[in-house]
Amino acid sequence: MSALCIHFKELSKLLDEKNDKYERIYKTNRDVTQKCKKIIFALQRIPGLEEEETKSIMKVSANEFRDIEQTLLRYIAMELKDGDKYQFLNAYTAGIQEYVEALTFYHFLLNEKILSHSEVQNRKTDPEELILCVPIPAKEYILGLGDLTGELMRFCIKSLSVGNYTMCYKICDILRHFNSGFMSLGYISSKELYHKTFVLKSTLAKVEEACYSFAAKEIGTTSGNVGYSSYRNGSRRWNLVIKIKLNLQAFYFSFQKLLQFHH
């Protein structure tokens, strides 16, 4: 057998090994995605539940995250240990984004805080082997936050339906910060990021409209006490926005009546 044939067989073996590793990582990535989706689904059940039920869901979710980090993500890290960690990024990017979404959603409900990129990355660093960790590029972290905004919107609507208005206003403020942050990125050649930025605008509009509608109803039933006064140490910004909106609506109806009168 010629040296060229031997060389091609070696390359073929390396290619097969690479493809096999990609498949193993991809299958584990799907397991990460499924488990994270189950956590998010469980967390979305919290609005309207009793305190004990809420604590139980949060505890189970914490255990699920520990299992994901110590088994699935650890397995991916071991597969990436002896090579270029970013070579197989496409095999596990979906799972990482879902993990970021679920983890940040959990911590927001736990302490009303959005985890930073470094805080998410450090959770997956093995305490015994600091080298063994799954890399989370900034792009995957940002895309995960983009998905988080949709879950916050759904949680806001559910909270509004059970009378937790303070949470709705907090989520609205957070989504505004997200929108400002995404817009400040400027032009980035990423179809995914562009799509998530576009969806975020729609998400923010839905949440604002829901908060506006509730505040407008409160004005009609409680003589101007919209409930937001107890939030942010008596801030009157929402009251002002609602009054402006109602004044515009009153002007519109008056204008319509004026047209009918002239006709």
C-alpha atoms as a PDB file:
ATOM      1  CA  MET A   1       0.000   0.000   0.000  1.00  0.00           C
ATOM      2  CA  SER A   2       1.372   3.377  -1.004  1.00  0.00           C
ATOM      3  CA  ALA A   3       2.141   6.150   1.468  1.00  0.00           C
ATOM      4  CA  LEU A   4      -0.613   8.262  -0.091  1.00  0.00           C
ATOM      5  CA  CYS A   5      -3.263   5.607   0.572  1.00  0.00           C
ATOM      6  CA  ILE A   6      -2.080   5.243   4.155  1.00  0.00           C
ATOM      7  CA  HIS A   7      -2.300   9.004   4.611  1.00  0.00           C
ATOM      8  CA  PHE A   8      -5.842   9.099   3.212  1.00  0.00           C
ATOM      9  CA  LYS A   9      -6.899   6.277   5.561  1.00  0.00           C
ATOM     10  CA  GLU A  10      -5.552   8.235   8.505  1.00  0.00           C
ATOM     11  CA  LEU A  11      -7.480  11.332   7.392  1.00  0.00           C
ATOM     12  CA  SER A  12     -10.627   9.247   6.939  1.00  0.00           C
ATOM     13  CA  LYS A  13     -10.255   7.868  10.454  1.00  0.00           C
ATOM     14  CA  LEU A  14      -9.813  11.379  11.887  1.00  0.00           C
ATOM     15  CA  LEU A  15     -12.888  12.594   9.992  1.00  0.00           C
ATOM     16  CA  ASP A  16     -14.981   9.673  11.288  1.00  0.00           C
ATOM     17  CA  GLU A  17     -13.838  10.380  14.850  1.00  0.00           C
ATOM     18  CA  LYS A  18     -14.754  14.044  14.445  1.00  0.00           C
ATOM     19  CA  ASN A  19     -18.213  13.186  13.102  1.00  0.00           C
ATOM     20  CA  ASP A  20     -18.801  10.687  15.914  1.00  0.00           C
ATOM     21  CA  LYS A  21     -17.820  13.281  18.519  1.00  0.00           C
ATOM     22  CA  TYR A  22     -20.134  15.839  16.884  1.00  0.00           C
ATOM     23  CA  GLU A  23     -23.035  13.375  17.085  1.00  0.00           C
ATOM     24  CA  ARG A  24     -22.350  12.567  20.743  1.00  0.00           C
ATOM     25  CA  ILE A  25     -22.235  16.265  21.665  1.00  0.00           C
ATOM     26  CA  TYR A  26     -25.352  16.997  19.614  1.00  0.00           C
ATOM     27  CA  LYS A  27     -27.354  14.237  21.327  1.00  0.00           C
ATOM     28  CA  THR A  28     -26.301  15.510  24.757  1.00  0.00           C
ATOM     29  CA  ASN A  29     -27.191  19.026  23.628  1.00  0.00           C
ATOM     30  CA  ARG A  30     -30.745  17.866  22.891  1.00  0.00           C
ATOM     31  CA  ASP A  31     -31.025  16.430  26.397  1.00  0.00           C
ATOM     32  CA  VAL A  32     -29.898  19.771  27.848  1.00  0.00           C
ATOM     33  CA  THR A  33     -32.509  21.583  25.752  1.00  0.00           C
ATOM     34  CA  GLN A  34     -35.324  19.258  26.829  1.00  0.00           C
ATOM     35  CA  LYS A  35     -34.474  19.459  30.524  1.00  0.00           C
ATOM     36  CA  CYS A  36     -34.222  23.261  30.421  1.00  0.00           C
ATOM     37  CA  LYS A  37     -37.573  23.521  28.658  1.00  0.00           C
ATOM     38  CA  LYS A  38     -39.147  21.427  31.425  1.00  0.00           C
ATOM     39  CA  ILE A  39     -37.668  23.774  34.043  1.00  0.00           C
ATOM     40  CA  ILE A  40     -39.060  26.829  32.258  1.00  0.00           C
ATOM     41  CA  PHE A  41     -42.475  25.190  31.931  1.00  0.00           C
ATOM     42  CA  ALA A  42     -42.492  24.466  35.678  1.00  0.00           C
ATOM     43  CA  LEU A  43     -41.437  28.025  36.558  1.00  0.00           C
ATOM     44  CA  GLN A  44     -44.230  29.454  34.405  1.00  0.00           C
ATOM     45  CA  ARG A  45     -46.748  27.718  36.686  1.00  0.00           C
ATOM     46  CA  ILE A  46     -45.735  29.858  39.678  1.00  0.00           C
ATOM     47  CA  PRO A  47     -48.166  32.809  39.254  1.00  0.00           C
ATOM     48  CA  GLY A  48     -51.179  32.169  41.454  1.00  0.00           C
ATOM     49  CA  LEU A  49     -49.605  29.328  43.461  1.00  0.00           C
ATOM     50  CA  GLU A  50     -49.267  29.259  47.234  1.00  0.00           C
ATOM     51  CA  GLU A  51     -45.906  30.052  48.819  1.00  0.00           C
ATOM     52  CA  GLU A  52     -45.175  26.419  49.697  1.00  0.00           C
ATOM     53  CA  GLU A  53     -45.873  25.264  46.139  1.00  0.00           C
ATOM     54  CA  THR A  54     -43.639  28.015  44.781  1.00  0.00           C
ATOM     55  CA  LYS A  55     -40.785  27.009  47.094  1.00  0.00           C
ATOM     56  CA  SER A  56     -41.189  23.393  46.022  1.00  0.00           C
ATOM     57  CA  ILE A  57     -40.936  24.291  42.313  1.00  0.00           C
ATOM     58  CA  MET A  58     -37.863  26.465  42.933  1.00  0.00           C
ATOM     59  CA  LYS A  59     -36.180  23.673  44.901  1.00  0.00           C
ATOM     60  CA  VAL A  60     -36.877  21.075  42.229  1.00  0.00           C
ATOM     61  CA  SER A  61     -35.579  23.480  39.558  1.00  0.00           C
ATOM     62  CA  ALA A  62     -32.348  24.046  41.519  1.00  0.00           C
ATOM     63  CA  ASN A  63     -31.817  20.275  41.682  1.00  0.00           C
ATOM     64  CA  GLU A  64     -32.478  19.984  37.947  1.00  0.00           C
ATOM     65  CA  PHE A  65     -29.850  22.631  37.201  1.00  0.00           C
ATOM     66  CA  ARG A  66     -27.356  20.792  39.403  1.00  0.00           C
ATOM     67  CA  ASP A  67     -28.060  17.585  37.497  1.00  0.00           C
ATOM     68  CA  ILE A  68     -27.635  19.310  34.127  1.00  0.00           C
ATOM     69  CA  GLU A  69     -24.351  20.904  35.159  1.00  0.00           C
ATOM     70  CA  GLN A  70     -22.834  17.838  36.790  1.00  0.00           C
ATOM     71  CA  THR A  71     -23.836  15.303  34.128  1.00  0.00           C
ATOM     72  CA  LEU A  72     -24.808  16.669  30.702  1.00  0.00           C
ATOM     73  CA  LEU A  73     -22.701  19.833  30.568  1.00  0.00           C
ATOM     74  CA  ARG A  74     -19.818  18.020  32.233  1.00  0.00           C
ATOM     75  CA  TYR A  75     -20.011  15.351  29.541  1.00  0.00           C
ATOM     76  CA  ILE A  76     -19.858  17.994  26.806  1.00  0.00           C
ATOM     77  CA  ALA A  77     -16.890  19.618  28.561  1.00  0.00           C
ATOM     78  CA  MET A  78     -15.056  16.274  28.644  1.00  0.00           C
ATOM     79  CA  GLU A  79     -15.666  15.804  24.912  1.00  0.00           C
ATOM     80  CA  LEU A  80     -14.225  19.271  24.236  1.00  0.00           C
ATOM     81  CA  LYS A  81     -11.291  18.898  26.616  1.00  0.00           C
ATOM     82  CA  ASP A  82      -8.611  17.705  24.173  1.00  0.00           C
ATOM     83  CA  GLY A  83      -9.353  19.893  21.179  1.00  0.00           C
ATOM     84  CA  ASP A  84     -10.601  23.198  19.885  1.00  0.00           C
ATOM     85  CA  LYS A  85     -13.613  23.970  22.100  1.00  0.00           C
ATOM     86  CA  TYR A  86     -15.238  26.168  19.482  1.00  0.00           C
ATOM     87  CA  GLN A  87     -14.899  23.652  16.676  1.00  0.00           C
ATOM     88  CA  PHE A  88     -18.104  21.900  17.792  1.00  0.00           C
ATOM     89  CA  LEU A  89     -19.999  25.010  18.888  1.00  0.00           C
ATOM     90  CA  ASN A  90     -22.812  24.415  16.403  1.00  0.00           C
ATOM     91  CA  ALA A  91     -23.428  21.028  18.026  1.00  0.00           C
ATOM     92  CA  TYR A  92     -24.299  22.474  21.440  1.00  0.00           C
ATOM     93  CA  THR A  93     -25.221  26.134  20.863  1.00  0.00           C
ATOM     94  CA  ALA A  94     -28.984  25.458  21.092  1.00  0.00           C
ATOM     95  CA  GLY A  95     -28.592  23.728  24.453  1.00  0.00           C
ATOM     96  CA  ILE A  96     -26.379  26.517  25.808  1.00  0.00           C
ATOM     97  CA  GLN A  97     -28.883  29.186  24.765  1.00  0.00           C
ATOM     98  CA  GLU A  98     -31.724  27.247  26.387  1.00  0.00           C
ATOM     99  CA  TYR A  99     -29.614  26.773  29.515  1.00  0.00           C
ATOM    100  CA  VAL A 100     -28.874  30.514  29.720  1.00  0.00           C
ATOM    101  CA  GLU A 101     -32.573  31.272  29.236  1.00  0.00           C
ATOM    102  CA  ALA A 102     -33.711  28.848  31.949  1.00  0.00           C
ATOM    103  CA  LEU A 103     -30.963  29.776  34.430  1.00  0.00           C
ATOM    104  CA  THR A 104     -31.465  33.538  34.129  1.00  0.00           C
ATOM    105  CA  PHE A 105     -35.240  33.092  34.363  1.00  0.00           C
ATOM    106  CA  TYR A 106     -34.831  31.019  37.529  1.00  0.00           C
ATOM    107  CA  HIS A 107     -32.542  33.575  39.167  1.00  0.00           C
ATOM    108  CA  PHE A 108     -34.833  36.435  38.229  1.00  0.00           C
ATOM    109  CA  LEU A 109     -37.683  34.722  40.061  1.00  0.00           C
ATOM    110  CA  LEU A 110     -35.346  33.855  42.933  1.00  0.00           C
ATOM    111  CA  ASN A 111     -33.853  37.294  43.621  1.00  0.00           C
ATOM    112  CA  GLU A 112     -35.023  39.578  40.776  1.00  0.00           C
ATOM    113  CA  LYS A 113     -31.529  39.636  39.323  1.00  0.00           C
ATOM    114  CA  ILE A 114     -30.261  38.914  35.802  1.00  0.00           C
ATOM    115  CA  LEU A 115     -27.081  36.842  35.888  1.00  0.00           C
ATOM    116  CA  SER A 116     -24.091  38.295  34.060  1.00  0.00           C
ATOM    117  CA  HIS A 117     -22.122  36.437  31.412  1.00  0.00           C
ATOM    118  CA  SER A 118     -19.281  35.653  33.832  1.00  0.00           C
ATOM    119  CA  GLU A 119     -21.713  34.415  36.504  1.00  0.00           C
ATOM    120  CA  VAL A 120     -23.298  31.975  34.058  1.00  0.00           C
ATOM    121  CA  GLN A 121     -19.896  30.791  32.821  1.00  0.00           C
ATOM    122  CA  ASN A 122     -18.531  30.236  36.316  1.00  0.00           C
ATOM    123  CA  ARG A 123     -21.457  27.984  37.269  1.00  0.00           C
ATOM    124  CA  LYS A 124     -20.224  25.367  34.854  1.00  0.00           C
ATOM    125  CA  THR A 125     -16.588  25.391  35.904  1.00  0.00           C
ATOM    126  CA  ASP A 126     -15.716  22.175  37.716  1.00  0.00           C
ATOM    127  CA  PRO A 127     -14.429  23.077  41.197  1.00  0.00           C
ATOM    128  CA  GLU A 128     -11.792  20.332  41.051  1.00  0.00           C
ATOM    129  CA  GLU A 129     -10.604  20.871  37.480  1.00  0.00           C
ATOM    130  CA  LEU A 130     -10.796  24.529  36.551  1.00  0.00           C
ATOM    131  CA  ILE A 131      -9.831  23.750  32.967  1.00  0.00           C
ATOM    132  CA  LEU A 132     -12.894  21.518  32.518  1.00  0.00           C
ATOM    133  CA  CYS A 133     -15.748  23.825  31.496  1.00  0.00           C
ATOM    134  CA  VAL A 134     -18.146  24.397  28.641  1.00  0.00           C
ATOM    135  CA  PRO A 135     -17.336  27.684  26.887  1.00  0.00           C
ATOM    136  CA  ILE A 136     -20.223  30.116  26.593  1.00  0.00           C
ATOM    137  CA  PRO A 137     -19.393  32.767  23.978  1.00  0.00           C
ATOM    138  CA  ALA A 138     -20.890  36.209  24.498  1.00  0.00           C
ATOM    139  CA  LYS A 139     -23.083  35.725  21.424  1.00  0.00           C
ATOM    140  CA  GLU A 140     -24.737  32.603  22.876  1.00  0.00           C
ATOM    141  CA  TYR A 141     -25.279  34.403  26.179  1.00  0.00           C
ATOM    142  CA  ILE A 142     -26.958  37.359  24.439  1.00  0.00           C
ATOM    143  CA  LEU A 143     -29.139  35.059  22.329  1.00  0.00           C
ATOM    144  CA  GLY A 144     -30.175  33.252  25.501  1.00  0.00           C
ATOM    145  CA  LEU A 145     -31.187  36.567  27.043  1.00  0.00           C
ATOM    146  CA  GLY A 146     -33.180  37.297  23.908  1.00  0.00           C
ATOM    147  CA  ASP A 147     -35.193  34.127  24.529  1.00  0.00           C
ATOM    148  CA  LEU A 148     -35.550  35.078  28.199  1.00  0.00           C
ATOM    149  CA  THR A 149     -37.524  38.199  27.260  1.00  0.00           C
ATOM    150  CA  GLY A 150     -40.291  36.041  25.790  1.00  0.00           C
ATOM    151  CA  GLU A 151     -40.567  34.036  29.006  1.00  0.00           C
ATOM    152  CA  LEU A 152     -40.669  37.243  31.046  1.00  0.00           C
ATOM    153  CA  MET A 153     -43.520  38.497  28.866  1.00  0.00           C
ATOM    154  CA  ARG A 154     -45.521  35.303  29.439  1.00  0.00           C
ATOM    155  CA  PHE A 155     -44.826  35.443  33.171  1.00  0.00           C
ATOM    156  CA  CYS A 156     -45.942  39.090  33.216  1.00  0.00           C
ATOM    157  CA  ILE A 157     -49.276  38.315  31.552  1.00  0.00           C
ATOM    158  CA  LYS A 158     -49.919  35.404  33.928  1.00  0.00           C
ATOM    159  CA  SER A 159     -48.988  37.563  36.934  1.00  0.00           C
ATOM    160  CA  LEU A 160     -51.372  40.249  35.738  1.00  0.00           C
ATOM    161  CA  SER A 161     -54.194  37.708  35.500  1.00  0.00           C
ATOM    162  CA  VAL A 162     -53.742  36.743  39.177  1.00  0.00           C
ATOM    163  CA  GLY A 163     -53.368  40.305  40.444  1.00  0.00           C
ATOM    164  CA  ASN A 164     -49.575  40.505  40.917  1.00  0.00           C
ATOM    165  CA  TYR A 165     -49.294  43.959  39.371  1.00  0.00           C
ATOM    166  CA  THR A 166     -45.971  44.900  40.975  1.00  0.00           C
ATOM    167  CA  MET A 167     -44.218  42.023  39.195  1.00  0.00           C
ATOM    168  CA  CYS A 168     -45.699  43.184  35.888  1.00  0.00           C
ATOM    169  CA  TYR A 169     -44.266  46.681  36.274  1.00  0.00           C
ATOM    170  CA  LYS A 170     -40.874  45.287  37.260  1.00  0.00           C
ATOM    171  CA  ILE A 171     -40.792  43.047  34.185  1.00  0.00           C
ATOM    172  CA  CYS A 172     -41.810  45.966  31.997  1.00  0.00           C
ATOM    173  CA  ASP A 173     -38.890  48.041  33.298  1.00  0.00           C
ATOM    174  CA  ILE A 174     -36.469  45.139  32.776  1.00  0.00           C
ATOM    175  CA  LEU A 175     -37.661  44.606  29.206  1.00  0.00           C
ATOM    176  CA  ARG A 176     -37.084  48.297  28.531  1.00  0.00           C
ATOM    177  CA  HIS A 177     -33.496  47.919  29.723  1.00  0.00           C
ATOM    178  CA  PHE A 178     -33.116  44.825  27.537  1.00  0.00           C
ATOM    179  CA  ASN A 179     -34.449  46.723  24.543  1.00  0.00           C
ATOM    180  CA  SER A 180     -32.024  49.604  25.134  1.00  0.00           C
ATOM    181  CA  GLY A 181     -29.151  47.148  25.516  1.00  0.00           C
ATOM    182  CA  PHE A 182     -29.966  45.232  22.331  1.00  0.00           C
ATOM    183  CA  MET A 183     -30.400  48.434  20.356  1.00  0.00           C
ATOM    184  CA  SER A 184     -27.047  49.758  21.622  1.00  0.00           C
ATOM    185  CA  LEU A 185     -25.287  46.812  19.962  1.00  0.00           C
ATOM    186  CA  GLY A 186     -25.785  48.510  16.612  1.00  0.00           C
ATOM    187  CA  TYR A 187     -25.452  46.500  13.412  1.00  0.00           C
ATOM    188  CA  ILE A 188     -24.233  42.941  13.947  1.00  0.00           C
ATOM    189  CA  SER A 189     -24.087  40.470  11.083  1.00  0.00           C
ATOM    190  CA  SER A 190     -26.188  37.829  12.817  1.00  0.00           C
ATOM    191  CA  LYS A 191     -29.569  36.713  11.527  1.00  0.00           C
ATOM    192  CA  GLU A 192     -30.479  35.191  14.894  1.00  0.00           C
ATOM    193  CA  LEU A 193     -29.661  38.345  16.829  1.00  0.00           C
ATOM    194  CA  TYR A 194     -31.561  40.532  14.363  1.00  0.00           C
ATOM    195  CA  HIS A 195     -34.624  38.301  14.692  1.00  0.00           C
ATOM    196  CA  LYS A 196     -34.515  38.297  18.500  1.00  0.00           C
ATOM    197  CA  THR A 197     -34.136  42.092  18.573  1.00  0.00           C
ATOM    198  CA  PHE A 198     -37.183  42.435  16.326  1.00  0.00           C
ATOM    199  CA  VAL A 199     -39.213  40.042  18.506  1.00  0.00           C
ATOM    200  CA  LEU A 200     -38.105  41.901  21.654  1.00  0.00           C
ATOM    201  CA  LYS A 201     -39.714  45.102  20.387  1.00  0.00           C
ATOM    202  CA  SER A 202     -43.012  43.261  19.913  1.00  0.00           C
ATOM    203  CA  THR A 203     -42.670  41.639  23.342  1.00  0.00           C
ATOM    204  CA  LEU A 204     -42.070  44.975  25.044  1.00  0.00           C
ATOM    205  CA  ALA A 205     -45.058  46.520  23.253  1.00  0.00           C
ATOM    206  CA  LYS A 206     -47.339  43.712  24.509  1.00  0.00           C
ATOM    207  CA  VAL A 207     -46.159  44.105  28.105  1.00  0.00           C
ATOM    208  CA  GLU A 208     -46.493  47.890  28.019  1.00  0.00           C
ATOM    209  CA  GLU A 209     -49.981  47.624  26.576  1.00  0.00           C
ATOM    210  CA  ALA A 210     -50.984  45.164  29.297  1.00  0.00           C
ATOM    211  CA  CYS A 211     -49.658  47.490  32.024  1.00  0.00           C
ATOM    212  CA  TYR A 212     -51.296  50.512  30.397  1.00  0.00           C
ATOM    213  CA  SER A 213     -54.647  48.730  30.210  1.00  0.00           C
ATOM    214  CA  PHE A 214     -54.525  47.767  33.866  1.00  0.00           C
ATOM    215  CA  ALA A 215     -53.449  51.260  34.944  1.00  0.00           C
ATOM    216  CA  ALA A 216     -56.231  52.830  32.873  1.00  0.00           C
ATOM    217  CA  LYS A 217     -58.818  50.591  34.550  1.00  0.00           C
ATOM    218  CA  GLU A 218     -57.418  51.504  37.964  1.00  0.00           C
ATOM    219  CA  ILE A 219     -57.761  55.194  37.160  1.00  0.00           C
ATOM    220  CA  GLY A 220     -61.432  54.649  36.415  1.00  0.00           C
ATOM    221  CA  THR A 221     -62.096  52.609  39.541  1.00  0.00           C
ATOM    222  CA  THR A 222     -59.805  54.108  42.185  1.00  0.00           C
ATOM    223  CA  SER A 223     -59.707  57.794  41.232  1.00  0.00           C
ATOM    224  CA  GLY A 224     -56.171  57.776  39.879  1.00  0.00           C
ATOM    225  CA  ASN A 225     -54.469  55.308  42.208  1.00  0.00           C
ATOM    226  CA  VAL A 226     -52.799  53.024  39.688  1.00  0.00           C
ATOM    227  CA  GLY A 227     -50.897  50.806  42.083  1.00  0.00           C
ATOM    228  CA  TYR A 228     -47.515  51.759  40.648  1.00  0.00           C
ATOM    229  CA  SER A 229     -47.157  54.461  43.288  1.00  0.00           C
ATOM    230  CA  SER A 230     -46.110  51.800  45.781  1.00  0.00           C
ATOM    231  CA  TYR A 231     -43.381  50.679  43.382  1.00  0.00           C
ATOM    232  CA  ARG A 232     -40.096  52.553  43.003  1.00  0.00           C
ATOM    233  CA  ASN A 233     -40.700  54.604  46.147  1.00  0.00           C
ATOM    234  CA  GLY A 234     -43.712  56.483  44.871  1.00  0.00           C
ATOM    235  CA  SER A 235     -42.630  57.105  41.304  1.00  0.00           C
ATOM    236  CA  ARG A 236     -45.284  58.975  39.312  1.00  0.00           C
ATOM    237  CA  ARG A 237     -43.936  58.224  35.888  1.00  0.00           C
ATOM    238  CA  TRP A 238     -46.554  55.619  35.074  1.00  0.00           C
ATOM    239  CA  ASN A 239     -49.349  57.900  36.302  1.00  0.00           C
ATOM    240  CA  LEU A 240     -48.109  60.619  33.959  1.00  0.00           C
ATOM    241  CA  VAL A 241     -47.894  58.235  30.992  1.00  0.00           C
ATOM    242  CA  ILE A 242     -51.397  56.934  31.623  1.00  0.00           C
ATOM    243  CA  LYS A 243     -52.836  60.441  31.970  1.00  0.00           C
ATOM    244  CA  ILE A 244     -51.232  61.487  28.683  1.00  0.00           C
ATOM    245  CA  LYS A 245     -52.648  58.427  26.963  1.00  0.00           C
ATOM    246  CA  LEU A 246     -56.119  59.003  28.374  1.00  0.00           C
ATOM    247  CA  ASN A 247     -56.005  62.683  27.393  1.00  0.00           C
ATOM    248  CA  LEU A 248     -55.141  61.685  23.835  1.00  0.00           C
ATOM    249  CA  GLN A 249     -58.007  59.196  23.815  1.00  0.00           C
ATOM    250  CA  ALA A 250     -60.408  61.865  25.147  1.00  0.00           C
ATOM    251  CA  PHE A 251     -59.248  64.274  22.448  1.00  0.00           C
ATOM    252  CA  TYR A 252     -59.790  61.633  19.782  1.00  0.00           C
ATOM    253  CA  PHE A 253     -63.369  60.907  20.917  1.00  0.00           C
ATOM    254  CA  SER A 254     -64.131  64.630  21.170  1.00  0.00           C
ATOM    255  CA  PHE A 255     -62.791  65.142  17.657  1.00  0.00           C
ATOM    256  CA  GLN A 256     -64.955  62.296  16.350  1.00  0.00           C
ATOM    257  CA  LYS A 257     -68.071  63.833  17.960  1.00  0.00           C
ATOM    258  CA  LEU A 258     -67.181  67.197  16.461  1.00  0.00           C
ATOM    259  CA  LEU A 259     -67.021  65.668  12.986  1.00  0.00           C
ATOM    260  CA  GLN A 260     -70.396  63.958  13.508  1.00  0.00           C
ATOM    261  CA  PHE A 261     -71.907  67.276  14.657  1.00  0.00           C
ATOM    262  CA  HIS A 262     -70.742  69.102  11.520  1.00  0.00           C
ATOM    263  CA  HIS A 263     -72.043  66.339   9.289  1.00  0.00           C
END
